[in-house]
Amino acid sequence: MALKLYGSPYSTATKRVAIVLQEKHVPFEFINIDLIKGEHKAPAFVAKQPFGQVPLIDDQGFILYDSRVLGRYIASKYASQGPALIPTGGLKAAALFEQAVFSELANFEGAAQN
C-alpha cells in the first residue's frame, strides 16, 4: 500500500512534502483536498488532522502532519533511498541543519506563501 499524501497542489507546505517524497524515490498517492470547497474542515479530515490543515500523510495507518515533521520522517524512514537529506555527521552537522531549518521557517516561510 502506497503512502498517501493529503494536500493541495497550491499549498507550499504540500509541495515541500512532495519534493521530499520525490527526492527519496518514495511512491505515493496524492489525495487532493480542495481548500476552496472547505474539504480540509470536513469532519472526516479533521478526524485525521485536528487543526484542519494540509498536508498530512497516511503511512499504512500511521497519520502524521506538519510539513517539516513529514519531511524529516520521510527522510529518516527512507534514508537508504535517494540523496541523504538529513546530515549524519555529528553534533556540528546537526546544529547547522537545525539552523538552516529554522532560518528557512523564520525568514522565508511568509514570502514563499505569498
Foldseek 3Di string as FASTA:
>chain_A
DAKEKEEAPLDPLSVLLVVLCVQQVGDYHYHYQDVVVPSLVDPVNCVLVVVSHDIWMQDPNDIDDDSVVSSVVSLVVSVVGHDRPQDPPDDVSNVVVVVVVVCCVVPPPVVVND
